[in-house]
PDB file of N, CA and C in Angstrom:
ATOM      1  N   MET A   1      29.187   0.015  -3.978  1.00  0.00           N
ATOM      2  CA  MET A   1      29.013  -1.177  -3.182  1.00  0.00           C
ATOM      3  C   MET A   1      27.585  -1.192  -2.620  1.00  0.00           C
ATOM      4  N   THR A   2      26.960  -2.351  -2.683  1.00  0.00           N
ATOM      5  CA  THR A   2      25.597  -2.516  -2.193  1.00  0.00           C
ATOM      6  C   THR A   2      25.603  -2.665  -0.674  1.00  0.00           C
ATOM      7  N   SER A   3      24.647  -2.015  -0.037  1.00  0.00           N
ATOM      8  CA  SER A   3      24.558  -2.127   1.416  1.00  0.00           C
ATOM      9  C   SER A   3      23.931  -3.470   1.792  1.00  0.00           C
ATOM     10  N   LEU A   4      24.148  -3.892   3.026  1.00  0.00           N
ATOM     11  CA  LEU A   4      23.543  -5.120   3.513  1.00  0.00           C
ATOM     12  C   LEU A   4      22.023  -5.018   3.439  1.00  0.00           C
ATOM     13  N   LYS A   5      21.480  -3.849   3.775  1.00  0.00           N
ATOM     14  CA  LYS A   5      20.032  -3.646   3.729  1.00  0.00           C
ATOM     15  C   LYS A   5      19.509  -3.883   2.312  1.00  0.00           C
ATOM     16  N   ASP A   6      20.209  -3.363   1.311  1.00  0.00           N
ATOM     17  CA  ASP A   6      19.798  -3.550  -0.084  1.00  0.00           C
ATOM     18  C   ASP A   6      19.911  -5.020  -0.510  1.00  0.00           C
ATOM     19  N   GLU A   7      20.985  -5.684  -0.077  1.00  0.00           N
ATOM     20  CA  GLU A   7      21.160  -7.095  -0.412  1.00  0.00           C
ATOM     21  C   GLU A   7      20.049  -7.944   0.195  1.00  0.00           C
ATOM     22  N   LEU A   8      19.702  -7.670   1.455  1.00  0.00           N
ATOM     23  CA  LEU A   8      18.636  -8.416   2.111  1.00  0.00           C
ATOM     24  C   LEU A   8      17.290  -8.151   1.444  1.00  0.00           C
ATOM     25  N   ALA A   9      17.060  -6.922   1.028  1.00  0.00           N
ATOM     26  CA  ALA A   9      15.813  -6.591   0.326  1.00  0.00           C
ATOM     27  C   ALA A   9      15.723  -7.359  -0.992  1.00  0.00           C
ATOM     28  N   ALA A  10      16.828  -7.485  -1.701  1.00  0.00           N
ATOM     29  CA  ALA A  10      16.840  -8.228  -2.967  1.00  0.00           C
ATOM     30  C   ALA A  10      16.566  -9.709  -2.725  1.00  0.00           C
ATOM     31  N   ILE A  11      17.138 -10.264  -1.674  1.00  0.00           N
ATOM     32  CA  ILE A  11      16.890 -11.664  -1.332  1.00  0.00           C
ATOM     33  C   ILE A  11      15.414 -11.861  -1.001  1.00  0.00           C
ATOM     34  N   ARG A  12      14.859 -10.925  -0.247  1.00  0.00           N
ATOM     35  CA  ARG A  12      13.443 -11.025   0.129  1.00  0.00           C
ATOM     36  C   ARG A  12      12.543 -10.946  -1.110  1.00  0.00           C
ATOM     37  N   ARG A  13      12.846 -10.022  -2.012  1.00  0.00           N
ATOM     38  CA  ARG A  13      12.045  -9.919  -3.244  1.00  0.00           C
ATOM     39  C   ARG A  13      12.106 -11.222  -4.033  1.00  0.00           C
ATOM     40  N   GLY A  14      13.275 -11.842  -4.094  1.00  0.00           N
ATOM     41  CA  GLY A  14      13.410 -13.104  -4.816  1.00  0.00           C
ATOM     42  C   GLY A  14      12.627 -14.228  -4.161  1.00  0.00           C
ATOM     43  N   ALA A  15      12.576 -14.216  -2.842  1.00  0.00           N
ATOM     44  CA  ALA A  15      11.874 -15.268  -2.113  1.00  0.00           C
ATOM     45  C   ALA A  15      10.372 -15.036  -2.089  1.00  0.00           C
ATOM     46  N   GLU A  16       9.958 -13.780  -1.887  1.00  0.00           N
ATOM     47  CA  GLU A  16       8.538 -13.472  -1.711  1.00  0.00           C
ATOM     48  C   GLU A  16       7.856 -12.975  -2.979  1.00  0.00           C
ATOM     49  N   GLY A  17       8.619 -12.530  -3.944  1.00  0.00           N
ATOM     50  CA  GLY A  17       8.051 -11.915  -5.134  1.00  0.00           C
ATOM     51  C   GLY A  17       8.063 -10.404  -4.979  1.00  0.00           C
ATOM     52  N   ASP A  18       7.829  -9.711  -6.072  1.00  0.00           N
ATOM     53  CA  ASP A  18       7.904  -8.244  -6.021  1.00  0.00           C
ATOM     54  C   ASP A  18       6.633  -7.567  -6.526  1.00  0.00           C
ATOM     55  N   GLY A  19       5.553  -8.332  -6.658  1.00  0.00           N
ATOM     56  CA  GLY A  19       4.304  -7.757  -7.162  1.00  0.00           C
ATOM     57  C   GLY A  19       4.145  -7.937  -8.661  1.00  0.00           C
ATOM     58  N   THR A  20       5.253  -8.061  -9.367  1.00  0.00           N
ATOM     59  CA  THR A  20       5.174  -8.284 -10.816  1.00  0.00           C
ATOM     60  C   THR A  20       5.434  -9.742 -11.167  1.00  0.00           C
ATOM     61  N   LYS A  21       6.142 -10.454 -10.301  1.00  0.00           N
ATOM     62  CA  LYS A  21       6.389 -11.883 -10.516  1.00  0.00           C
ATOM     63  C   LYS A  21       6.432 -12.575  -9.158  1.00  0.00           C
ATOM     64  N   PRO A  22       6.021 -13.845  -9.141  1.00  0.00           N
ATOM     65  CA  PRO A  22       6.013 -14.570  -7.871  1.00  0.00           C
ATOM     66  C   PRO A  22       7.431 -14.895  -7.409  1.00  0.00           C
ATOM     67  N   GLY A  23       7.557 -15.107  -6.123  1.00  0.00           N
ATOM     68  CA  GLY A  23       8.847 -15.493  -5.564  1.00  0.00           C
ATOM     69  C   GLY A  23       8.982 -17.008  -5.483  1.00  0.00           C
ATOM     70  N   ARG A  24      10.054 -17.443  -4.847  1.00  0.00           N
ATOM     71  CA  ARG A  24      10.318 -18.881  -4.734  1.00  0.00           C
ATOM     72  C   ARG A  24       9.483 -19.548  -3.647  1.00  0.00           C
ATOM     73  N   ILE A  25       8.956 -18.779  -2.691  1.00  0.00           N
ATOM     74  CA  ILE A  25       8.169 -19.352  -1.596  1.00  0.00           C
ATOM     75  C   ILE A  25       6.711 -19.437  -2.036  1.00  0.00           C
ATOM     76  N   PRO A  26       6.105 -20.619  -1.921  1.00  0.00           N
ATOM     77  CA  PRO A  26       4.689 -20.750  -2.297  1.00  0.00           C
ATOM     78  C   PRO A  26       3.817 -19.802  -1.461  1.00  0.00           C
ATOM     79  N   PRO A  27       2.759 -19.253  -2.057  1.00  0.00           N
ATOM     80  CA  PRO A  27       1.912 -18.283  -1.348  1.00  0.00           C
ATOM     81  C   PRO A  27       1.373 -18.770  -0.010  1.00  0.00           C
ATOM     82  N   ASP A  28       0.959 -20.044   0.080  1.00  0.00           N
ATOM     83  CA  ASP A  28       0.437 -20.556   1.351  1.00  0.00           C
ATOM     84  C   ASP A  28       1.516 -20.555   2.433  1.00  0.00           C
ATOM     85  N   ALA A  29       2.730 -20.956   2.072  1.00  0.00           N
ATOM     86  CA  ALA A  29       3.836 -20.953   3.034  1.00  0.00           C
ATOM     87  C   ALA A  29       4.183 -19.525   3.433  1.00  0.00           C
ATOM     88  N   LEU A  30       4.115 -18.622   2.491  1.00  0.00           N
ATOM     89  CA  LEU A  30       4.420 -17.216   2.769  1.00  0.00           C
ATOM     90  C   LEU A  30       3.422 -16.636   3.765  1.00  0.00           C
ATOM     91  N   LYS A  31       2.140 -16.990   3.629  1.00  0.00           N
ATOM     92  CA  LYS A  31       1.118 -16.531   4.582  1.00  0.00           C
ATOM     93  C   LYS A  31       1.447 -17.008   5.994  1.00  0.00           C
ATOM     94  N   VAL A  32       1.857 -18.262   6.111  1.00  0.00           N
ATOM     95  CA  VAL A  32       2.214 -18.811   7.426  1.00  0.00           C
ATOM     96  C   VAL A  32       3.412 -18.063   7.996  1.00  0.00           C
ATOM     97  N   MET A  33       4.427 -17.842   7.170  1.00  0.00           N
ATOM     98  CA  MET A  33       5.634 -17.137   7.633  1.00  0.00           C
ATOM     99  C   MET A  33       5.292 -15.732   8.124  1.00  0.00           C
ATOM    100  N   HIS A  34       4.456 -15.035   7.384  1.00  0.00           N
ATOM    101  CA  HIS A  34       4.085 -13.672   7.772  1.00  0.00           C
ATOM    102  C   HIS A  34       3.243 -13.671   9.053  1.00  0.00           C
ATOM    103  N   ARG A  35       2.358 -14.671   9.194  1.00  0.00           N
ATOM    104  CA  ARG A  35       1.551 -14.766  10.405  1.00  0.00           C
ATOM    105  C   ARG A  35       2.430 -15.039  11.622  1.00  0.00           C
ATOM    106  N   VAL A  36       3.386 -15.952  11.487  1.00  0.00           N
ATOM    107  CA  VAL A  36       4.284 -16.273  12.599  1.00  0.00           C
ATOM    108  C   VAL A  36       5.115 -15.045  12.971  1.00  0.00           C
ATOM    109  N   THR A  37       5.609 -14.325  11.986  1.00  0.00           N
ATOM    110  CA  THR A  37       6.378 -13.106  12.249  1.00  0.00           C
ATOM    111  C   THR A  37       5.528 -12.086  12.992  1.00  0.00           C
ATOM    112  N   ALA A  38       4.288 -11.897  12.561  1.00  0.00           N
ATOM    113  CA  ALA A  38       3.387 -10.956  13.240  1.00  0.00           C
ATOM    114  C   ALA A  38       3.113 -11.408  14.670  1.00  0.00           C
ATOM    115  N   ASP A  39       2.904 -12.716  14.865  1.00  0.00           N
ATOM    116  CA  ASP A  39       2.665 -13.245  16.211  1.00  0.00           C
ATOM    117  C   ASP A  39       3.877 -13.016  17.116  1.00  0.00           C
ATOM    118  N   GLN A  40       5.068 -13.227  16.574  1.00  0.00           N
ATOM    119  CA  GLN A  40       6.284 -13.012  17.365  1.00  0.00           C
ATOM    120  C   GLN A  40       6.411 -11.551  17.765  1.00  0.00           C
ATOM    121  N   ARG A  41       6.183 -10.652  16.826  1.00  0.00           N
ATOM    122  CA  ARG A  41       6.263  -9.224  17.147  1.00  0.00           C
ATOM    123  C   ARG A  41       5.236  -8.843  18.204  1.00  0.00           C
ATOM    124  N   ALA A  42       4.014  -9.380  18.077  1.00  0.00           N
ATOM    125  CA  ALA A  42       2.944  -9.062  19.025  1.00  0.00           C
ATOM    126  C   ALA A  42       3.225  -9.627  20.419  1.00  0.00           C
ATOM    127  N   SER A  43       4.065 -10.643  20.515  1.00  0.00           N
ATOM    128  CA  SER A  43       4.357 -11.263  21.812  1.00  0.00           C
ATOM    129  C   SER A  43       5.179 -10.362  22.723  1.00  0.00           C
ATOM    130  N   GLY A  44       5.811  -9.333  22.144  1.00  0.00           N
ATOM    131  CA  GLY A  44       6.637  -8.428  22.941  1.00  0.00           C
ATOM    132  C   GLY A  44       8.013  -8.986  23.273  1.00  0.00           C
ATOM    133  N   PHE A  45       8.460  -9.986  22.522  1.00  0.00           N
ATOM    134  CA  PHE A  45       9.751 -10.601  22.825  1.00  0.00           C
ATOM    135  C   PHE A  45      10.919  -9.615  22.772  1.00  0.00           C
ATOM    136  N   ARG A  46      10.808  -8.615  21.917  1.00  0.00           N
ATOM    137  CA  ARG A  46      11.922  -7.663  21.798  1.00  0.00           C
ATOM    138  C   ARG A  46      12.199  -6.931  23.101  1.00  0.00           C
ATOM    139  N   ALA A  47      11.161  -6.634  23.859  1.00  0.00           N
ATOM    140  CA  ALA A  47      11.336  -5.938  25.133  1.00  0.00           C
ATOM    141  C   ALA A  47      12.035  -6.825  26.163  1.00  0.00           C
ATOM    142  N   ARG A  48      11.968  -8.135  25.975  1.00  0.00           N
ATOM    143  CA  ARG A  48      12.589  -9.076  26.914  1.00  0.00           C
ATOM    144  C   ARG A  48      13.986  -9.512  26.484  1.00  0.00           C
ATOM    145  N   MET A  49      14.408  -9.100  25.290  1.00  0.00           N
ATOM    146  CA  MET A  49      15.718  -9.504  24.786  1.00  0.00           C
ATOM    147  C   MET A  49      16.829  -8.729  25.473  1.00  0.00           C
ATOM    148  N   PRO A  50      17.978  -9.369  25.702  1.00  0.00           N
ATOM    149  CA  PRO A  50      19.132  -8.621  26.204  1.00  0.00           C
ATOM    150  C   PRO A  50      19.538  -7.558  25.184  1.00  0.00           C
ATOM    151  N   ALA A  51      20.053  -6.459  25.663  1.00  0.00           N
ATOM    152  CA  ALA A  51      20.524  -5.393  24.774  1.00  0.00           C
ATOM    153  C   ALA A  51      21.769  -5.856  24.025  1.00  0.00           C
ATOM    154  N   VAL A  52      21.969  -5.296  22.841  1.00  0.00           N
ATOM    155  CA  VAL A  52      23.183  -5.598  22.075  1.00  0.00           C
ATOM    156  C   VAL A  52      24.383  -5.258  22.940  1.00  0.00           C
ATOM    157  N   GLY A  53      25.303  -6.211  23.060  1.00  0.00           N
ATOM    158  CA  GLY A  53      26.496  -6.007  23.867  1.00  0.00           C
ATOM    159  C   GLY A  53      26.278  -6.300  25.339  1.00  0.00           C
ATOM    160  N   GLY A  54      25.026  -6.526  25.739  1.00  0.00           N
ATOM    161  CA  GLY A  54      24.721  -6.818  27.135  1.00  0.00           C
ATOM    162  C   GLY A  54      24.919  -8.285  27.443  1.00  0.00           C
ATOM    163  N   PRO A  55      24.833  -8.626  28.717  1.00  0.00           N
ATOM    164  CA  PRO A  55      25.035 -10.028  29.096  1.00  0.00           C
ATOM    165  C   PRO A  55      23.840 -10.892  28.689  1.00  0.00           C
ATOM    166  N   ALA A  56      24.134 -12.088  28.287  1.00  0.00           N
ATOM    167  CA  ALA A  56      23.092 -13.061  27.963  1.00  0.00           C
ATOM    168  C   ALA A  56      22.802 -13.885  29.213  1.00  0.00           C
ATOM    169  N   PRO A  57      21.621 -14.448  29.315  1.00  0.00           N
ATOM    170  CA  PRO A  57      21.344 -15.308  30.470  1.00  0.00           C
ATOM    171  C   PRO A  57      22.188 -16.580  30.403  1.00  0.00           C
ATOM    172  N   ALA A  58      22.492 -17.134  31.548  1.00  0.00           N
ATOM    173  CA  ALA A  58      23.234 -18.395  31.595  1.00  0.00           C
ATOM    174  C   ALA A  58      22.373 -19.499  30.983  1.00  0.00           C
ATOM    175  N   PHE A  59      23.025 -20.479  30.374  1.00  0.00           N
ATOM    176  CA  PHE A  59      22.285 -21.587  29.764  1.00  0.00           C
ATOM    177  C   PHE A  59      23.121 -22.847  29.775  1.00  0.00           C
ATOM    178  N   GLU A  60      22.436 -23.956  29.564  1.00  0.00           N
ATOM    179  CA  GLU A  60      23.082 -25.255  29.415  1.00  0.00           C
ATOM    180  C   GLU A  60      22.400 -25.967  28.255  1.00  0.00           C
ATOM    181  N   LEU A  61      23.202 -26.451  27.316  1.00  0.00           N
ATOM    182  CA  LEU A  61      22.676 -27.108  26.125  1.00  0.00           C
ATOM    183  C   LEU A  61      23.507 -28.349  25.818  1.00  0.00           C
ATOM    184  N   PRO A  62      22.934 -29.310  25.083  1.00  0.00           N
ATOM    185  CA  PRO A  62      23.723 -30.477  24.690  1.00  0.00           C
ATOM    186  C   PRO A  62      24.681 -30.130  23.553  1.00  0.00           C
ATOM    187  N   ASN A  63      25.870 -30.726  23.598  1.00  0.00           N
ATOM    188  CA  ASN A  63      26.809 -30.547  22.493  1.00  0.00           C
ATOM    189  C   ASN A  63      26.540 -31.593  21.420  1.00  0.00           C
ATOM    190  N   GLN A  64      27.419 -31.703  20.455  1.00  0.00           N
ATOM    191  CA  GLN A  64      27.218 -32.625  19.335  1.00  0.00           C
ATOM    192  C   GLN A  64      27.170 -34.081  19.763  1.00  0.00           C
ATOM    193  N   ASP A  65      27.703 -34.375  20.965  1.00  0.00           N
ATOM    194  CA  ASP A  65      27.686 -35.749  21.474  1.00  0.00           C
ATOM    195  C   ASP A  65      26.565 -35.985  22.482  1.00  0.00           C
ATOM    196  N   GLY A  66      25.752 -34.958  22.735  1.00  0.00           N
ATOM    197  CA  GLY A  66      24.651 -35.085  23.677  1.00  0.00           C
ATOM    198  C   GLY A  66      25.018 -34.753  25.112  1.00  0.00           C
ATOM    199  N   ALA A  67      26.286 -34.428  25.375  1.00  0.00           N
ATOM    200  CA  ALA A  67      26.714 -34.064  26.730  1.00  0.00           C
ATOM    201  C   ALA A  67      26.333 -32.619  27.030  1.00  0.00           C
ATOM    202  N   ALA A  68      25.857 -32.359  28.243  1.00  0.00           N
ATOM    203  CA  ALA A  68      25.457 -31.004  28.641  1.00  0.00           C
ATOM    204  C   ALA A  68      26.690 -30.116  28.791  1.00  0.00           C
ATOM    205  N   VAL A  69      26.602 -28.926  28.221  1.00  0.00           N
ATOM    206  CA  VAL A  69      27.677 -27.933  28.314  1.00  0.00           C
ATOM    207  C   VAL A  69      27.042 -26.632  28.782  1.00  0.00           C
ATOM    208  N   SER A  70      27.633 -26.015  29.802  1.00  0.00           N
ATOM    209  CA  SER A  70      27.076 -24.769  30.326  1.00  0.00           C
ATOM    210  C   SER A  70      27.828 -23.566  29.770  1.00  0.00           C
ATOM    211  N   SER A  71      27.114 -22.474  29.655  1.00  0.00           N
ATOM    212  CA  SER A  71      27.754 -21.237  29.200  1.00  0.00           C
ATOM    213  C   SER A  71      28.816 -20.800  30.207  1.00  0.00           C
ATOM    214  N   ALA A  72      28.565 -21.030  31.496  1.00  0.00           N
ATOM    215  CA  ALA A  72      29.549 -20.646  32.525  1.00  0.00           C
ATOM    216  C   ALA A  72      30.866 -21.387  32.320  1.00  0.00           C
ATOM    217  N   ALA A  73      30.788 -22.676  32.019  1.00  0.00           N
ATOM    218  CA  ALA A  73      32.010 -23.457  31.787  1.00  0.00           C
ATOM    219  C   ALA A  73      32.752 -22.952  30.554  1.00  0.00           C
ATOM    220  N   LEU A  74      32.017 -22.642  29.509  1.00  0.00           N
ATOM    221  CA  LEU A  74      32.662 -22.137  28.296  1.00  0.00           C
ATOM    222  C   LEU A  74      33.282 -20.768  28.534  1.00  0.00           C
ATOM    223  N   LEU A  75      32.575 -19.901  29.249  1.00  0.00           N
ATOM    224  CA  LEU A  75      33.118 -18.571  29.553  1.00  0.00           C
ATOM    225  C   LEU A  75      34.359 -18.663  30.416  1.00  0.00           C
ATOM    226  N   GLY A  76      34.463 -19.714  31.209  1.00  0.00           N
ATOM    227  CA  GLY A  76      35.659 -19.926  32.026  1.00  0.00           C
ATOM    228  C   GLY A  76      36.892 -20.202  31.191  1.00  0.00           C
ATOM    229  N   ARG A  77      36.683 -20.618  29.951  1.00  0.00           N
ATOM    230  CA  ARG A  77      37.795 -20.908  29.039  1.00  0.00           C
ATOM    231  C   ARG A  77      38.143 -19.731  28.141  1.00  0.00           C
ATOM    232  N   GLY A  78      37.281 -18.694  28.098  1.00  0.00           N
ATOM    233  CA  GLY A  78      37.549 -17.542  27.252  1.00  0.00           C
ATOM    234  C   GLY A  78      36.252 -16.969  26.715  1.00  0.00           C
ATOM    235  N   PRO A  79      36.339 -16.029  25.758  1.00  0.00           N
ATOM    236  CA  PRO A  79      35.140 -15.410  25.190  1.00  0.00           C
ATOM    237  C   PRO A  79      34.233 -16.457  24.528  1.00  0.00           C
ATOM    238  N   LEU A  80      32.954 -16.167  24.528  1.00  0.00           N
ATOM    239  CA  LEU A  80      31.964 -17.096  23.987  1.00  0.00           C
ATOM    240  C   LEU A  80      31.139 -16.397  22.916  1.00  0.00           C
ATOM    241  N   VAL A  81      31.002 -17.050  21.772  1.00  0.00           N
ATOM    242  CA  VAL A  81      30.153 -16.558  20.691  1.00  0.00           C
ATOM    243  C   VAL A  81      29.018 -17.553  20.524  1.00  0.00           C
ATOM    244  N   VAL A  82      27.783 -17.042  20.483  1.00  0.00           N
ATOM    245  CA  VAL A  82      26.613 -17.888  20.316  1.00  0.00           C
ATOM    246  C   VAL A  82      25.950 -17.524  18.988  1.00  0.00           C
ATOM    247  N   SER A  83      25.722 -18.530  18.153  1.00  0.00           N
ATOM    248  CA  SER A  83      25.043 -18.327  16.872  1.00  0.00           C
ATOM    249  C   SER A  83      23.727 -19.081  16.891  1.00  0.00           C
ATOM    250  N   PHE A  84      22.699 -18.465  16.327  1.00  0.00           N
ATOM    251  CA  PHE A  84      21.392 -19.090  16.247  1.00  0.00           C
ATOM    252  C   PHE A  84      21.112 -19.412  14.793  1.00  0.00           C
ATOM    253  N   PHE A  85      20.749 -20.661  14.525  1.00  0.00           N
ATOM    254  CA  PHE A  85      20.413 -21.094  13.183  1.00  0.00           C
ATOM    255  C   PHE A  85      18.956 -21.491  13.162  1.00  0.00           C
ATOM    256  N   ARG A  86      18.233 -20.965  12.213  1.00  0.00           N
ATOM    257  CA  ARG A  86      16.825 -21.282  12.084  1.00  0.00           C
ATOM    258  C   ARG A  86      16.685 -22.441  11.120  1.00  0.00           C
ATOM    259  N   GLY A  87      15.976 -23.461  11.528  1.00  0.00           N
ATOM    260  CA  GLY A  87      15.782 -24.574  10.638  1.00  0.00           C
ATOM    261  C   GLY A  87      15.122 -25.736  11.341  1.00  0.00           C
ATOM    262  N   GLY A  88      14.722 -26.707  10.597  1.00  0.00           N
ATOM    263  CA  GLY A  88      14.079 -27.883  11.140  1.00  0.00           C
ATOM    264  C   GLY A  88      14.849 -29.135  10.770  1.00  0.00           C
ATOM    265  N   TRP A  89      16.055 -29.200  11.263  1.00  0.00           N
ATOM    266  CA  TRP A  89      16.892 -30.337  10.886  1.00  0.00           C
ATOM    267  C   TRP A  89      16.336 -31.552  11.514  1.00  0.00           C
TER     268      TRP A  89
END
């Protein structure tokens, strides 16, 4: 069975290329992605992140209808799972 680490590495090679063949991401876009990743790492955001399993900060966000929903209200109803999706919809 392939490990998750190996599967992710294969996906990355397909997207970025492996040195012998180009990947699916154009080189100019890849440069931007790598620069943004380096900038994020240099910002020190990891030191400010909550620890795995630790409490997240309270927040309020709009739901699918645009109404504000708070994490406190959701937690009052039971456990809360938060997923982050990267994209520019």
